[in-house]
Amino acid sequence: MSDPVEPTGGGPAPEGATGGDDTGPATDNATVASTAAPAAHPGDDVTGAGEHRVEEGTEGDHPAHPVLQALVEQFDDATWTLSGRQDVVRVPPERFAEFGRAARDAGFEVCVDVTAVDWFRERRPRFDVVASLLSQEHVLRFRLIAEVGGDEPTVPSLTPVWPGANFAEREAYDMFGIVFDGHPDLTRILMPDDWEGFPLRKDFAVGSVPVQFKGSPKIS
């Protein structure tokens, strides 16, 4: 009679087994799931802090962050919305710098950028003047927007509040014709000083340069 064949997959693993081959101990499903799941990125919202935010583009509620909420509540004519999961505060143009100063005092140390959006033939007032403000202290940012008309688009300058806004405001003036009242040197920064018009306005004429290709009829 032949010797009995011992089972290959059943019994417990011997002590000291390393599991380095296919005969090692089996791993339960919970362990597999915990090791297979990717680690959360430090920037991911895993705390549920965004649960209290309203849907994109809605109004009438309040910001989730208490610092921004307290800032908005200081201004009766300021409105808050969400756009692309980012806080947006709109103020009348005459209060643009005043709100910016209050934001700086509340901990928004950095004015990241100042630019404009031209809503030509889509909306009145025609322009949005947009400042992107950042708080490193509160790990928070929001966009400050003032709507201005197309005839004389003017807002108070943010340069006295954040000196770094100087060149960004000059670019918005150069490209869109936005006047920043109180700017120390509001001159063109990209185009020649004698340039006429504002190239990023949607009604600015599209230019062209004739190109002569070899062997083609001469351009008259």
N, C-alpha and C. Protein backbone atom coordinates (compact mmCIF):
# COMPACT_ATOMS: atom_id res chain seq x y z
N MET A 1 0.86 -1.19 0.00
CA MET A 1 0.00 0.00 0.00
C MET A 1 0.89 1.24 0.00
N SER A 2 0.51 2.23 -0.80
CA SER A 2 1.32 3.45 -0.89
C SER A 2 1.07 4.35 0.30
N ASP A 3 2.05 5.22 0.59
CA ASP A 3 1.91 6.15 1.71
C ASP A 3 0.82 7.16 1.42
N PRO A 4 0.05 7.60 2.43
CA PRO A 4 -1.01 8.61 2.20
C PRO A 4 -0.40 9.95 1.80
N VAL A 5 -1.13 10.63 0.93
CA VAL A 5 -0.68 11.96 0.47
C VAL A 5 -1.17 13.01 1.44
N GLU A 6 -0.25 13.87 1.96
CA GLU A 6 -0.65 14.89 2.92
C GLU A 6 -1.30 16.06 2.19
N PRO A 7 -2.33 16.66 2.80
CA PRO A 7 -2.96 17.83 2.17
C PRO A 7 -1.98 18.99 2.07
N THR A 8 -2.16 19.82 1.02
CA THR A 8 -1.20 20.91 0.78
C THR A 8 -1.74 22.27 1.20
N GLY A 9 -3.04 22.46 1.37
CA GLY A 9 -3.53 23.81 1.62
C GLY A 9 -4.25 23.98 2.92
N GLY A 10 -4.29 22.98 3.78
CA GLY A 10 -5.19 23.09 4.91
C GLY A 10 -4.60 23.60 6.19
N GLY A 11 -3.65 22.88 6.76
CA GLY A 11 -3.25 23.06 8.14
C GLY A 11 -2.62 24.41 8.41
N PRO A 12 -2.45 24.75 9.70
CA PRO A 12 -1.83 26.03 10.05
C PRO A 12 -0.39 26.08 9.62
N ALA A 13 0.09 27.28 9.36
CA ALA A 13 1.48 27.46 8.94
C ALA A 13 2.39 27.21 10.12
N PRO A 14 3.51 26.60 9.89
CA PRO A 14 4.45 26.37 10.99
C PRO A 14 4.99 27.66 11.54
N GLU A 15 5.39 27.60 12.81
CA GLU A 15 5.91 28.79 13.44
C GLU A 15 7.19 29.23 12.72
N GLY A 16 7.34 30.56 12.64
CA GLY A 16 8.54 31.10 12.00
C GLY A 16 8.42 31.22 10.52
N ALA A 17 7.24 30.85 9.92
CA ALA A 17 7.08 30.97 8.47
C ALA A 17 7.10 32.43 8.09
N THR A 18 7.77 32.75 7.01
CA THR A 18 7.91 34.14 6.58
C THR A 18 6.87 34.55 5.59
N GLY A 19 6.16 33.65 4.96
CA GLY A 19 5.15 34.02 3.96
C GLY A 19 5.77 34.52 2.69
N GLY A 20 7.02 34.14 2.43
CA GLY A 20 7.69 34.66 1.24
C GLY A 20 7.29 33.94 -0.02
N ASP A 21 6.54 32.80 0.06
CA ASP A 21 6.12 32.12 -1.15
C ASP A 21 4.64 31.83 -1.07
N ASP A 22 4.13 31.08 -2.04
CA ASP A 22 2.70 30.82 -2.14
C ASP A 22 2.17 29.95 -1.02
N THR A 23 3.05 29.32 -0.25
CA THR A 23 2.58 28.44 0.82
C THR A 23 2.44 29.17 2.13
N GLY A 24 2.66 30.52 2.13
CA GLY A 24 2.59 31.30 3.36
C GLY A 24 1.16 31.43 3.84
N PRO A 25 0.96 32.06 5.01
CA PRO A 25 -0.38 32.18 5.59
C PRO A 25 -1.27 33.05 4.74
N ALA A 26 -2.55 32.73 4.72
CA ALA A 26 -3.52 33.53 3.98
C ALA A 26 -3.76 34.85 4.69
N THR A 27 -4.11 35.87 3.91
CA THR A 27 -4.39 37.20 4.47
C THR A 27 -5.88 37.47 4.38
N ASP A 28 -6.49 37.95 5.46
CA ASP A 28 -7.94 38.16 5.44
C ASP A 28 -8.28 39.38 4.59
N ASN A 29 -9.58 39.47 4.24
CA ASN A 29 -10.02 40.53 3.32
C ASN A 29 -9.82 41.91 3.91
N ALA A 30 -10.03 42.06 5.21
CA ALA A 30 -9.90 43.38 5.82
C ALA A 30 -8.48 43.90 5.72
N THR A 31 -7.51 42.97 5.89
CA THR A 31 -6.11 43.39 5.79
C THR A 31 -5.77 43.80 4.37
N VAL A 32 -6.30 43.04 3.39
CA VAL A 32 -6.05 43.38 1.98
C VAL A 32 -6.62 44.74 1.66
N ALA A 33 -7.83 45.03 2.13
CA ALA A 33 -8.46 46.31 1.83
C ALA A 33 -7.69 47.47 2.44
N SER A 34 -7.19 47.26 3.67
CA SER A 34 -6.49 48.36 4.33
C SER A 34 -5.15 48.65 3.68
N THR A 35 -4.49 47.61 3.16
CA THR A 35 -3.19 47.83 2.53
C THR A 35 -3.32 48.29 1.09
N ALA A 36 -4.43 47.96 0.44
CA ALA A 36 -4.60 48.35 -0.96
C ALA A 36 -5.10 49.78 -1.10
N ALA A 37 -5.78 50.30 -0.07
CA ALA A 37 -6.35 51.64 -0.18
C ALA A 37 -5.23 52.67 -0.21
N PRO A 38 -5.28 53.64 -1.15
CA PRO A 38 -4.23 54.66 -1.22
C PRO A 38 -4.31 55.59 -0.03
N ALA A 39 -3.16 56.09 0.39
CA ALA A 39 -3.13 57.03 1.51
C ALA A 39 -3.72 58.36 1.08
N ALA A 40 -4.37 59.03 2.01
CA ALA A 40 -4.98 60.33 1.70
C ALA A 40 -3.89 61.36 1.47
N HIS A 41 -4.07 62.19 0.45
CA HIS A 41 -3.16 63.28 0.19
C HIS A 41 -3.34 64.34 1.27
N PRO A 42 -2.25 65.02 1.69
CA PRO A 42 -2.39 66.02 2.74
C PRO A 42 -3.39 67.11 2.40
N GLY A 43 -3.62 67.37 1.10
CA GLY A 43 -4.55 68.42 0.73
C GLY A 43 -5.98 67.96 0.58
N ASP A 44 -6.22 66.63 0.69
CA ASP A 44 -7.58 66.13 0.53
C ASP A 44 -8.44 66.53 1.71
N ASP A 45 -9.73 66.77 1.43
CA ASP A 45 -10.67 67.13 2.49
C ASP A 45 -11.22 65.85 3.09
N VAL A 46 -10.55 65.37 4.13
CA VAL A 46 -10.98 64.13 4.77
C VAL A 46 -11.64 64.40 6.11
N THR A 47 -11.77 65.65 6.48
CA THR A 47 -12.35 65.99 7.77
C THR A 47 -13.81 66.33 7.68
N GLY A 48 -14.34 66.44 6.46
CA GLY A 48 -15.74 66.81 6.31
C GLY A 48 -15.98 68.30 6.47
N ALA A 49 -14.89 69.10 6.38
CA ALA A 49 -15.05 70.53 6.59
C ALA A 49 -15.92 71.17 5.53
N GLY A 50 -15.99 70.55 4.34
CA GLY A 50 -16.78 71.15 3.27
C GLY A 50 -18.24 70.79 3.30
N GLU A 51 -18.68 70.03 4.30
CA GLU A 51 -20.06 69.57 4.31
C GLU A 51 -21.04 70.71 4.47
N HIS A 52 -20.63 71.82 5.08
CA HIS A 52 -21.54 72.91 5.37
C HIS A 52 -21.62 73.93 4.24
N ARG A 53 -20.87 73.71 3.17
CA ARG A 53 -20.92 74.65 2.06
C ARG A 53 -22.17 74.41 1.22
N VAL A 54 -22.70 75.49 0.68
CA VAL A 54 -23.89 75.38 -0.16
C VAL A 54 -23.46 75.03 -1.56
N GLU A 55 -24.42 74.74 -2.43
CA GLU A 55 -24.10 74.36 -3.80
C GLU A 55 -23.51 75.53 -4.56
N GLU A 56 -22.78 75.19 -5.60
CA GLU A 56 -22.08 76.20 -6.39
C GLU A 56 -23.05 77.22 -6.95
N GLY A 57 -22.67 78.50 -6.79
CA GLY A 57 -23.44 79.57 -7.38
C GLY A 57 -24.63 80.02 -6.56
N THR A 58 -24.88 79.45 -5.39
CA THR A 58 -26.02 79.86 -4.59
C THR A 58 -25.65 81.02 -3.69
N GLU A 59 -26.67 81.74 -3.24
CA GLU A 59 -26.47 82.88 -2.38
C GLU A 59 -27.37 82.75 -1.16
N GLY A 60 -27.20 83.69 -0.22
CA GLY A 60 -28.11 83.76 0.89
C GLY A 60 -27.66 83.00 2.11
N ASP A 61 -26.68 82.11 1.99
CA ASP A 61 -26.15 81.41 3.14
C ASP A 61 -24.91 82.16 3.61
N HIS A 62 -24.01 81.50 4.29
CA HIS A 62 -22.81 82.16 4.78
C HIS A 62 -21.61 81.26 4.52
N PRO A 63 -20.40 81.84 4.50
CA PRO A 63 -19.21 81.03 4.29
C PRO A 63 -19.01 80.01 5.40
N ALA A 64 -18.36 78.90 5.06
CA ALA A 64 -18.12 77.86 6.06
C ALA A 64 -17.05 78.29 7.05
N HIS A 65 -16.07 79.06 6.59
CA HIS A 65 -14.98 79.45 7.48
C HIS A 65 -15.39 80.65 8.33
N PRO A 66 -15.23 80.58 9.63
CA PRO A 66 -15.69 81.68 10.50
C PRO A 66 -14.97 83.00 10.25
N VAL A 67 -13.70 82.97 9.82
CA VAL A 67 -12.98 84.21 9.55
C VAL A 67 -13.60 84.93 8.37
N LEU A 68 -13.88 84.21 7.30
CA LEU A 68 -14.50 84.83 6.14
C LEU A 68 -15.94 85.25 6.44
N GLN A 69 -16.64 84.46 7.21
CA GLN A 69 -18.01 84.81 7.58
C GLN A 69 -18.04 86.14 8.35
N ALA A 70 -17.15 86.28 9.33
CA ALA A 70 -17.09 87.51 10.11
C ALA A 70 -16.70 88.70 9.23
N LEU A 71 -15.84 88.46 8.25
CA LEU A 71 -15.43 89.53 7.33
C LEU A 71 -16.61 90.00 6.49
N VAL A 72 -17.36 89.07 5.93
CA VAL A 72 -18.50 89.43 5.09
C VAL A 72 -19.57 90.15 5.91
N GLU A 73 -19.76 89.74 7.14
CA GLU A 73 -20.80 90.35 7.97
C GLU A 73 -20.50 91.79 8.33
N GLN A 74 -19.26 92.24 8.15
CA GLN A 74 -18.92 93.64 8.41
C GLN A 74 -19.48 94.57 7.34
N PHE A 75 -19.85 94.03 6.18
CA PHE A 75 -20.29 94.85 5.06
C PHE A 75 -21.70 94.44 4.65
N ASP A 76 -22.64 95.35 4.85
CA ASP A 76 -24.03 95.04 4.52
C ASP A 76 -24.25 94.85 3.03
N ASP A 77 -23.41 95.49 2.20
CA ASP A 77 -23.59 95.42 0.76
C ASP A 77 -22.69 94.38 0.11
N ALA A 78 -22.06 93.52 0.89
CA ALA A 78 -21.24 92.44 0.34
C ALA A 78 -22.08 91.18 0.20
N THR A 79 -21.92 90.47 -0.91
CA THR A 79 -22.63 89.21 -1.13
C THR A 79 -21.62 88.10 -1.33
N TRP A 80 -21.95 86.93 -0.80
CA TRP A 80 -21.05 85.79 -0.87
C TRP A 80 -21.69 84.68 -1.69
N THR A 81 -20.88 84.02 -2.52
CA THR A 81 -21.32 82.86 -3.29
C THR A 81 -20.16 81.86 -3.36
N LEU A 82 -20.46 80.70 -3.94
CA LEU A 82 -19.43 79.73 -4.27
C LEU A 82 -19.31 79.62 -5.78
N SER A 83 -18.08 79.49 -6.25
CA SER A 83 -17.84 79.29 -7.67
C SER A 83 -16.68 78.33 -7.82
N GLY A 84 -16.95 77.16 -8.38
CA GLY A 84 -15.89 76.16 -8.50
C GLY A 84 -15.31 75.77 -7.16
N ARG A 85 -16.17 75.69 -6.14
CA ARG A 85 -15.78 75.31 -4.77
C ARG A 85 -14.87 76.35 -4.13
N GLN A 86 -14.84 77.57 -4.68
CA GLN A 86 -14.05 78.63 -4.08
C GLN A 86 -14.98 79.76 -3.66
N ASP A 87 -14.68 80.34 -2.50
CA ASP A 87 -15.49 81.46 -2.00
C ASP A 87 -15.31 82.68 -2.88
N VAL A 88 -16.42 83.36 -3.14
CA VAL A 88 -16.41 84.59 -3.93
C VAL A 88 -17.21 85.65 -3.17
N VAL A 89 -16.63 86.82 -3.02
CA VAL A 89 -17.31 87.93 -2.36
C VAL A 89 -17.40 89.08 -3.35
N ARG A 90 -18.62 89.58 -3.55
CA ARG A 90 -18.85 90.71 -4.45
C ARG A 90 -19.20 91.95 -3.63
N VAL A 91 -18.58 93.06 -3.99
CA VAL A 91 -18.82 94.32 -3.30
C VAL A 91 -19.02 95.42 -4.34
N PRO A 92 -19.68 96.52 -3.97
CA PRO A 92 -19.76 97.66 -4.89
C PRO A 92 -18.35 98.17 -5.20
N PRO A 93 -18.15 98.73 -6.38
CA PRO A 93 -16.79 99.14 -6.77
C PRO A 93 -16.17 100.14 -5.81
N GLU A 94 -16.97 101.04 -5.25
CA GLU A 94 -16.39 102.05 -4.37
C GLU A 94 -15.88 101.46 -3.05
N ARG A 95 -16.25 100.22 -2.75
CA ARG A 95 -15.81 99.59 -1.49
C ARG A 95 -14.77 98.49 -1.73
N PHE A 96 -14.25 98.44 -2.94
CA PHE A 96 -13.29 97.41 -3.33
C PHE A 96 -12.06 97.43 -2.41
N ALA A 97 -11.42 98.59 -2.28
CA ALA A 97 -10.22 98.69 -1.45
C ALA A 97 -10.55 98.63 0.03
N GLU A 98 -11.71 99.16 0.42
CA GLU A 98 -12.11 99.11 1.82
C GLU A 98 -12.27 97.67 2.30
N PHE A 99 -12.92 96.84 1.46
CA PHE A 99 -13.06 95.44 1.82
C PHE A 99 -11.69 94.76 1.80
N GLY A 100 -10.86 95.12 0.85
CA GLY A 100 -9.53 94.54 0.80
C GLY A 100 -8.73 94.86 2.05
N ARG A 101 -8.85 96.08 2.55
CA ARG A 101 -8.13 96.46 3.77
C ARG A 101 -8.63 95.66 4.97
N ALA A 102 -9.94 95.46 5.04
CA ALA A 102 -10.50 94.65 6.13
C ALA A 102 -10.04 93.20 6.01
N ALA A 103 -9.94 92.70 4.78
CA ALA A 103 -9.46 91.33 4.57
C ALA A 103 -8.01 91.18 5.01
N ARG A 104 -7.19 92.17 4.68
CA ARG A 104 -5.78 92.11 5.11
C ARG A 104 -5.69 92.09 6.64
N ASP A 105 -6.47 92.93 7.29
CA ASP A 105 -6.45 92.99 8.75
C ASP A 105 -6.98 91.70 9.37
N ALA A 106 -7.82 90.96 8.62
CA ALA A 106 -8.37 89.69 9.12
C ALA A 106 -7.43 88.52 8.90
N GLY A 107 -6.29 88.76 8.24
CA GLY A 107 -5.32 87.69 8.07
C GLY A 107 -5.03 87.29 6.65
N PHE A 108 -5.60 87.99 5.66
CA PHE A 108 -5.31 87.69 4.26
C PHE A 108 -4.08 88.52 3.87
N GLU A 109 -2.92 87.92 4.07
CA GLU A 109 -1.67 88.66 3.92
C GLU A 109 -1.26 88.89 2.48
N VAL A 110 -1.79 88.08 1.56
CA VAL A 110 -1.28 88.07 0.19
C VAL A 110 -2.39 88.41 -0.80
N CYS A 111 -2.11 89.37 -1.66
CA CYS A 111 -2.95 89.59 -2.84
C CYS A 111 -2.23 88.87 -3.99
N VAL A 112 -2.78 87.72 -4.38
CA VAL A 112 -2.11 86.87 -5.36
C VAL A 112 -2.14 87.51 -6.73
N ASP A 113 -3.26 88.10 -7.10
CA ASP A 113 -3.39 88.64 -8.46
C ASP A 113 -4.56 89.61 -8.51
N VAL A 114 -4.50 90.51 -9.46
CA VAL A 114 -5.62 91.40 -9.79
C VAL A 114 -5.79 91.35 -11.29
N THR A 115 -7.00 91.06 -11.75
CA THR A 115 -7.24 90.98 -13.18
C THR A 115 -8.68 91.43 -13.46
N ALA A 116 -9.14 91.21 -14.68
CA ALA A 116 -10.49 91.64 -15.06
C ALA A 116 -11.10 90.62 -16.01
N VAL A 117 -12.42 90.65 -16.08
CA VAL A 117 -13.17 89.81 -17.02
C VAL A 117 -14.10 90.73 -17.81
N ASP A 118 -14.09 90.59 -19.13
CA ASP A 118 -14.92 91.40 -20.01
C ASP A 118 -16.16 90.60 -20.41
N TRP A 119 -17.34 91.07 -19.98
CA TRP A 119 -18.61 90.42 -20.31
C TRP A 119 -19.32 91.15 -21.46
N PHE A 120 -18.54 91.62 -22.41
CA PHE A 120 -19.08 92.41 -23.52
C PHE A 120 -20.24 91.69 -24.21
N ARG A 121 -21.36 92.40 -24.33
CA ARG A 121 -22.59 91.91 -24.97
C ARG A 121 -23.25 90.76 -24.20
N GLU A 122 -22.77 90.42 -23.04
CA GLU A 122 -23.36 89.35 -22.25
C GLU A 122 -24.00 89.84 -20.96
N ARG A 123 -23.52 90.96 -20.44
CA ARG A 123 -24.00 91.40 -19.14
C ARG A 123 -23.65 92.86 -18.92
N ARG A 124 -24.47 93.52 -18.16
CA ARG A 124 -24.14 94.86 -17.66
C ARG A 124 -24.23 94.83 -16.13
N PRO A 125 -23.28 95.42 -15.44
CA PRO A 125 -22.08 96.11 -15.89
C PRO A 125 -21.14 95.18 -16.66
N ARG A 126 -20.34 95.80 -17.50
CA ARG A 126 -19.57 95.03 -18.46
C ARG A 126 -18.41 94.26 -17.83
N PHE A 127 -17.70 94.85 -16.87
CA PHE A 127 -16.46 94.26 -16.37
C PHE A 127 -16.59 93.74 -14.94
N ASP A 128 -15.88 92.65 -14.67
CA ASP A 128 -15.58 92.21 -13.31
C ASP A 128 -14.12 92.54 -13.04
N VAL A 129 -13.86 93.26 -11.97
CA VAL A 129 -12.49 93.43 -11.49
C VAL A 129 -12.29 92.41 -10.37
N VAL A 130 -11.29 91.54 -10.53
CA VAL A 130 -11.15 90.37 -9.66
C VAL A 130 -9.79 90.41 -8.95
N ALA A 131 -9.84 90.30 -7.62
CA ALA A 131 -8.63 90.16 -6.82
C ALA A 131 -8.67 88.81 -6.12
N SER A 132 -7.60 88.05 -6.23
CA SER A 132 -7.49 86.75 -5.56
C SER A 132 -6.67 86.96 -4.29
N LEU A 133 -7.31 86.70 -3.14
CA LEU A 133 -6.69 86.97 -1.85
C LEU A 133 -6.43 85.67 -1.11
N LEU A 134 -5.27 85.60 -0.44
CA LEU A 134 -4.83 84.37 0.21
C LEU A 134 -4.44 84.65 1.65
N SER A 135 -4.88 83.76 2.56
CA SER A 135 -4.45 83.80 3.95
C SER A 135 -3.63 82.56 4.24
N GLN A 136 -2.35 82.74 4.48
CA GLN A 136 -1.51 81.62 4.90
C GLN A 136 -1.78 81.27 6.36
N GLU A 137 -2.18 82.25 7.13
CA GLU A 137 -2.49 82.01 8.55
C GLU A 137 -3.69 81.09 8.69
N HIS A 138 -4.74 81.34 7.89
CA HIS A 138 -5.97 80.56 8.01
C HIS A 138 -6.09 79.47 6.95
N VAL A 139 -5.09 79.36 6.05
CA VAL A 139 -5.10 78.38 4.96
C VAL A 139 -6.42 78.53 4.19
N LEU A 140 -6.62 79.71 3.64
CA LEU A 140 -7.90 80.07 3.03
C LEU A 140 -7.66 81.08 1.93
N ARG A 141 -8.45 80.98 0.87
CA ARG A 141 -8.41 81.98 -0.18
C ARG A 141 -9.81 82.28 -0.66
N PHE A 142 -9.98 83.46 -1.24
CA PHE A 142 -11.26 83.80 -1.87
C PHE A 142 -11.02 84.84 -2.94
N ARG A 143 -12.01 85.00 -3.81
CA ARG A 143 -11.94 86.01 -4.87
C ARG A 143 -12.82 87.20 -4.49
N LEU A 144 -12.26 88.36 -4.55
CA LEU A 144 -12.99 89.61 -4.32
C LEU A 144 -13.30 90.24 -5.67
N ILE A 145 -14.58 90.50 -5.92
CA ILE A 145 -15.00 90.97 -7.24
C ILE A 145 -15.83 92.25 -7.10
N ALA A 146 -15.56 93.20 -7.98
CA ALA A 146 -16.38 94.41 -8.11
C ALA A 146 -16.80 94.54 -9.57
N GLU A 147 -18.06 94.84 -9.80
CA GLU A 147 -18.57 95.02 -11.16
C GLU A 147 -18.53 96.51 -11.52
N VAL A 148 -17.97 96.79 -12.70
CA VAL A 148 -17.85 98.18 -13.16
C VAL A 148 -18.34 98.28 -14.60
N GLY A 149 -18.85 99.44 -14.95
CA GLY A 149 -19.37 99.67 -16.30
C GLY A 149 -18.27 99.85 -17.32
N GLY A 150 -18.67 99.84 -18.60
CA GLY A 150 -17.71 99.91 -19.68
C GLY A 150 -17.26 101.30 -20.05
N ASP A 151 -18.02 102.33 -19.67
CA ASP A 151 -17.67 103.70 -20.08
C ASP A 151 -16.47 104.22 -19.30
N GLU A 152 -16.52 104.15 -17.99
CA GLU A 152 -15.41 104.60 -17.15
C GLU A 152 -15.18 103.56 -16.05
N PRO A 153 -14.60 102.42 -16.38
CA PRO A 153 -14.41 101.37 -15.38
C PRO A 153 -13.35 101.77 -14.35
N THR A 154 -13.79 102.06 -13.14
CA THR A 154 -12.89 102.58 -12.11
C THR A 154 -13.17 101.91 -10.78
N VAL A 155 -12.11 101.51 -10.09
CA VAL A 155 -12.20 101.00 -8.72
C VAL A 155 -11.04 101.60 -7.93
N PRO A 156 -11.16 101.69 -6.60
CA PRO A 156 -10.02 102.13 -5.80
C PRO A 156 -8.88 101.12 -5.87
N SER A 157 -7.66 101.61 -5.88
CA SER A 157 -6.49 100.74 -6.01
C SER A 157 -6.25 99.93 -4.73
N LEU A 158 -5.79 98.68 -4.92
CA LEU A 158 -5.38 97.84 -3.80
C LEU A 158 -3.89 97.99 -3.49
N THR A 159 -3.16 98.75 -4.28
CA THR A 159 -1.72 98.90 -4.06
C THR A 159 -1.38 99.52 -2.71
N PRO A 160 -2.14 100.50 -2.20
CA PRO A 160 -1.84 100.99 -0.85
C PRO A 160 -2.06 99.92 0.23
N VAL A 161 -2.87 98.91 -0.06
CA VAL A 161 -3.12 97.84 0.91
C VAL A 161 -2.08 96.74 0.77
N TRP A 162 -1.87 96.29 -0.46
CA TRP A 162 -0.83 95.29 -0.78
C TRP A 162 0.06 95.89 -1.86
N PRO A 163 1.24 96.36 -1.53
CA PRO A 163 2.11 96.96 -2.55
C PRO A 163 2.39 96.05 -3.74
N GLY A 164 2.33 94.73 -3.51
CA GLY A 164 2.58 93.79 -4.60
C GLY A 164 1.52 93.81 -5.68
N ALA A 165 0.38 94.46 -5.43
CA ALA A 165 -0.68 94.55 -6.44
C ALA A 165 -0.35 95.58 -7.53
N ASN A 166 0.74 96.30 -7.37
CA ASN A 166 1.12 97.38 -8.28
C ASN A 166 1.14 96.94 -9.73
N PHE A 167 1.97 95.93 -10.05
CA PHE A 167 2.14 95.53 -11.44
C PHE A 167 0.90 94.84 -11.99
N ALA A 168 0.19 94.09 -11.15
CA ALA A 168 -1.02 93.42 -11.61
C ALA A 168 -2.09 94.44 -12.00
N GLU A 169 -2.21 95.50 -11.24
CA GLU A 169 -3.18 96.55 -11.58
C GLU A 169 -2.76 97.29 -12.85
N ARG A 170 -1.49 97.49 -13.03
CA ARG A 170 -1.03 98.14 -14.26
C ARG A 170 -1.34 97.26 -15.47
N GLU A 171 -1.21 95.94 -15.32
CA GLU A 171 -1.54 95.04 -16.43
C GLU A 171 -3.03 95.07 -16.74
N ALA A 172 -3.87 95.07 -15.70
CA ALA A 172 -5.32 95.16 -15.93
C ALA A 172 -5.69 96.47 -16.59
N TYR A 173 -5.00 97.53 -16.23
CA TYR A 173 -5.22 98.81 -16.91
C TYR A 173 -4.77 98.75 -18.36
N ASP A 174 -3.60 98.18 -18.59
CA ASP A 174 -3.02 98.11 -19.93
C ASP A 174 -3.87 97.26 -20.87
N MET A 175 -4.37 96.12 -20.38
CA MET A 175 -5.10 95.19 -21.23
C MET A 175 -6.60 95.46 -21.32
N PHE A 176 -7.20 95.96 -20.23
CA PHE A 176 -8.66 96.13 -20.18
C PHE A 176 -9.11 97.59 -20.04
N GLY A 177 -8.18 98.48 -19.68
CA GLY A 177 -8.57 99.87 -19.47
C GLY A 177 -9.22 100.13 -18.13
N ILE A 178 -9.01 99.24 -17.15
CA ILE A 178 -9.55 99.45 -15.81
C ILE A 178 -8.70 100.50 -15.10
N VAL A 179 -9.33 101.53 -14.58
CA VAL A 179 -8.62 102.59 -13.87
C VAL A 179 -8.65 102.28 -12.37
N PHE A 180 -7.47 102.25 -11.77
CA PHE A 180 -7.35 102.00 -10.33
C PHE A 180 -7.03 103.32 -9.65
N ASP A 181 -8.06 103.89 -9.06
CA ASP A 181 -7.93 105.21 -8.43
C ASP A 181 -7.01 105.12 -7.22
N GLY A 182 -6.00 105.98 -7.19
CA GLY A 182 -5.04 105.98 -6.09
C GLY A 182 -3.78 105.18 -6.36
N HIS A 183 -3.68 104.60 -7.55
CA HIS A 183 -2.46 103.86 -7.89
C HIS A 183 -1.30 104.85 -8.06
N PRO A 184 -0.12 104.52 -7.55
CA PRO A 184 0.98 105.49 -7.60
C PRO A 184 1.58 105.72 -8.99
N ASP A 185 1.39 104.77 -9.92
CA ASP A 185 2.00 104.94 -11.25
C ASP A 185 1.21 104.12 -12.26
N LEU A 186 -0.01 104.53 -12.56
CA LEU A 186 -0.87 103.76 -13.44
C LEU A 186 -0.52 104.05 -14.89
N THR A 187 0.48 103.33 -15.40
CA THR A 187 0.93 103.46 -16.79
C THR A 187 0.95 102.08 -17.42
N ARG A 188 1.09 102.05 -18.73
CA ARG A 188 1.15 100.77 -19.43
C ARG A 188 2.38 99.98 -18.98
N ILE A 189 2.23 98.65 -19.02
CA ILE A 189 3.32 97.80 -18.57
C ILE A 189 3.73 96.77 -19.63
N LEU A 190 2.82 96.44 -20.56
CA LEU A 190 3.12 95.48 -21.62
C LEU A 190 3.17 96.14 -22.99
N MET A 191 2.23 97.04 -23.25
CA MET A 191 2.15 97.69 -24.56
C MET A 191 2.96 98.98 -24.57
N PRO A 192 3.34 99.47 -25.76
CA PRO A 192 4.04 100.76 -25.83
C PRO A 192 3.18 101.88 -25.26
N ASP A 193 3.83 102.91 -24.78
CA ASP A 193 3.10 104.02 -24.15
C ASP A 193 2.12 104.69 -25.09
N ASP A 194 2.43 104.69 -26.39
CA ASP A 194 1.55 105.37 -27.35
C ASP A 194 0.52 104.43 -27.98
N TRP A 195 0.37 103.22 -27.42
CA TRP A 195 -0.59 102.26 -27.96
C TRP A 195 -2.01 102.77 -27.74
N GLU A 196 -2.85 102.56 -28.75
CA GLU A 196 -4.25 102.99 -28.64
C GLU A 196 -5.15 101.78 -28.45
N GLY A 197 -6.00 101.84 -27.44
CA GLY A 197 -6.92 100.75 -27.16
C GLY A 197 -6.39 99.78 -26.13
N PHE A 198 -7.22 98.79 -25.84
CA PHE A 198 -6.93 97.82 -24.78
C PHE A 198 -7.11 96.41 -25.35
N PRO A 199 -6.01 95.69 -25.58
CA PRO A 199 -6.02 94.47 -26.39
C PRO A 199 -6.91 93.34 -25.89
N LEU A 200 -7.18 93.23 -24.59
CA LEU A 200 -7.98 92.11 -24.10
C LEU A 200 -9.47 92.43 -23.99
N ARG A 201 -9.86 93.62 -24.40
CA ARG A 201 -11.30 93.89 -24.51
C ARG A 201 -11.86 93.11 -25.70
N LYS A 202 -13.05 92.58 -25.53
CA LYS A 202 -13.61 91.73 -26.58
C LYS A 202 -14.00 92.49 -27.84
N ASP A 203 -14.09 93.80 -27.76
CA ASP A 203 -14.40 94.58 -28.96
C ASP A 203 -13.14 95.18 -29.58
N PHE A 204 -11.96 94.77 -29.13
CA PHE A 204 -10.73 95.26 -29.71
C PHE A 204 -10.51 94.57 -31.04
N ALA A 205 -10.18 95.35 -32.07
CA ALA A 205 -10.03 94.81 -33.42
C ALA A 205 -8.90 93.79 -33.48
N VAL A 206 -9.15 92.71 -34.22
CA VAL A 206 -8.12 91.69 -34.41
C VAL A 206 -7.16 92.15 -35.50
N GLY A 207 -5.89 92.25 -35.17
CA GLY A 207 -4.90 92.72 -36.15
C GLY A 207 -4.40 91.61 -37.05
N SER A 208 -3.69 91.99 -38.09
CA SER A 208 -3.10 91.01 -39.00
C SER A 208 -1.81 91.58 -39.57
N VAL A 209 -0.90 90.69 -39.91
CA VAL A 209 0.37 91.08 -40.50
C VAL A 209 0.54 90.32 -41.81
N PRO A 210 0.71 90.99 -42.94
CA PRO A 210 0.91 90.27 -44.21
C PRO A 210 2.20 89.47 -44.19
N VAL A 211 2.14 88.25 -44.70
CA VAL A 211 3.30 87.36 -44.73
C VAL A 211 3.59 87.00 -46.19
N GLN A 212 4.83 87.20 -46.60
CA GLN A 212 5.23 86.89 -47.96
C GLN A 212 5.93 85.54 -47.98
N PHE A 213 5.34 84.54 -48.69
CA PHE A 213 5.94 83.23 -48.82
C PHE A 213 6.73 83.15 -50.13
N LYS A 214 7.82 82.42 -50.11
CA LYS A 214 8.65 82.28 -51.29
C LYS A 214 7.87 81.58 -52.42
N GLY A 215 7.89 82.17 -53.58
CA GLY A 215 7.23 81.58 -54.73
C GLY A 215 5.76 81.93 -54.86
N SER A 216 5.21 82.65 -53.88
CA SER A 216 3.81 83.04 -53.96
C SER A 216 3.71 84.42 -54.57
N PRO A 217 2.54 84.77 -55.12
CA PRO A 217 2.38 86.11 -55.70
C PRO A 217 2.68 87.18 -54.67
N LYS A 218 3.30 88.22 -55.12
CA LYS A 218 3.68 89.29 -54.20
C LYS A 218 2.44 89.99 -53.65
N ILE A 219 2.49 90.24 -52.36
CA ILE A 219 1.34 90.92 -51.72
C ILE A 219 1.38 92.38 -52.09
N SER A 220 0.25 92.85 -52.55
CA SER A 220 0.17 94.25 -52.94
C SER A 220 -0.28 95.11 -51.78
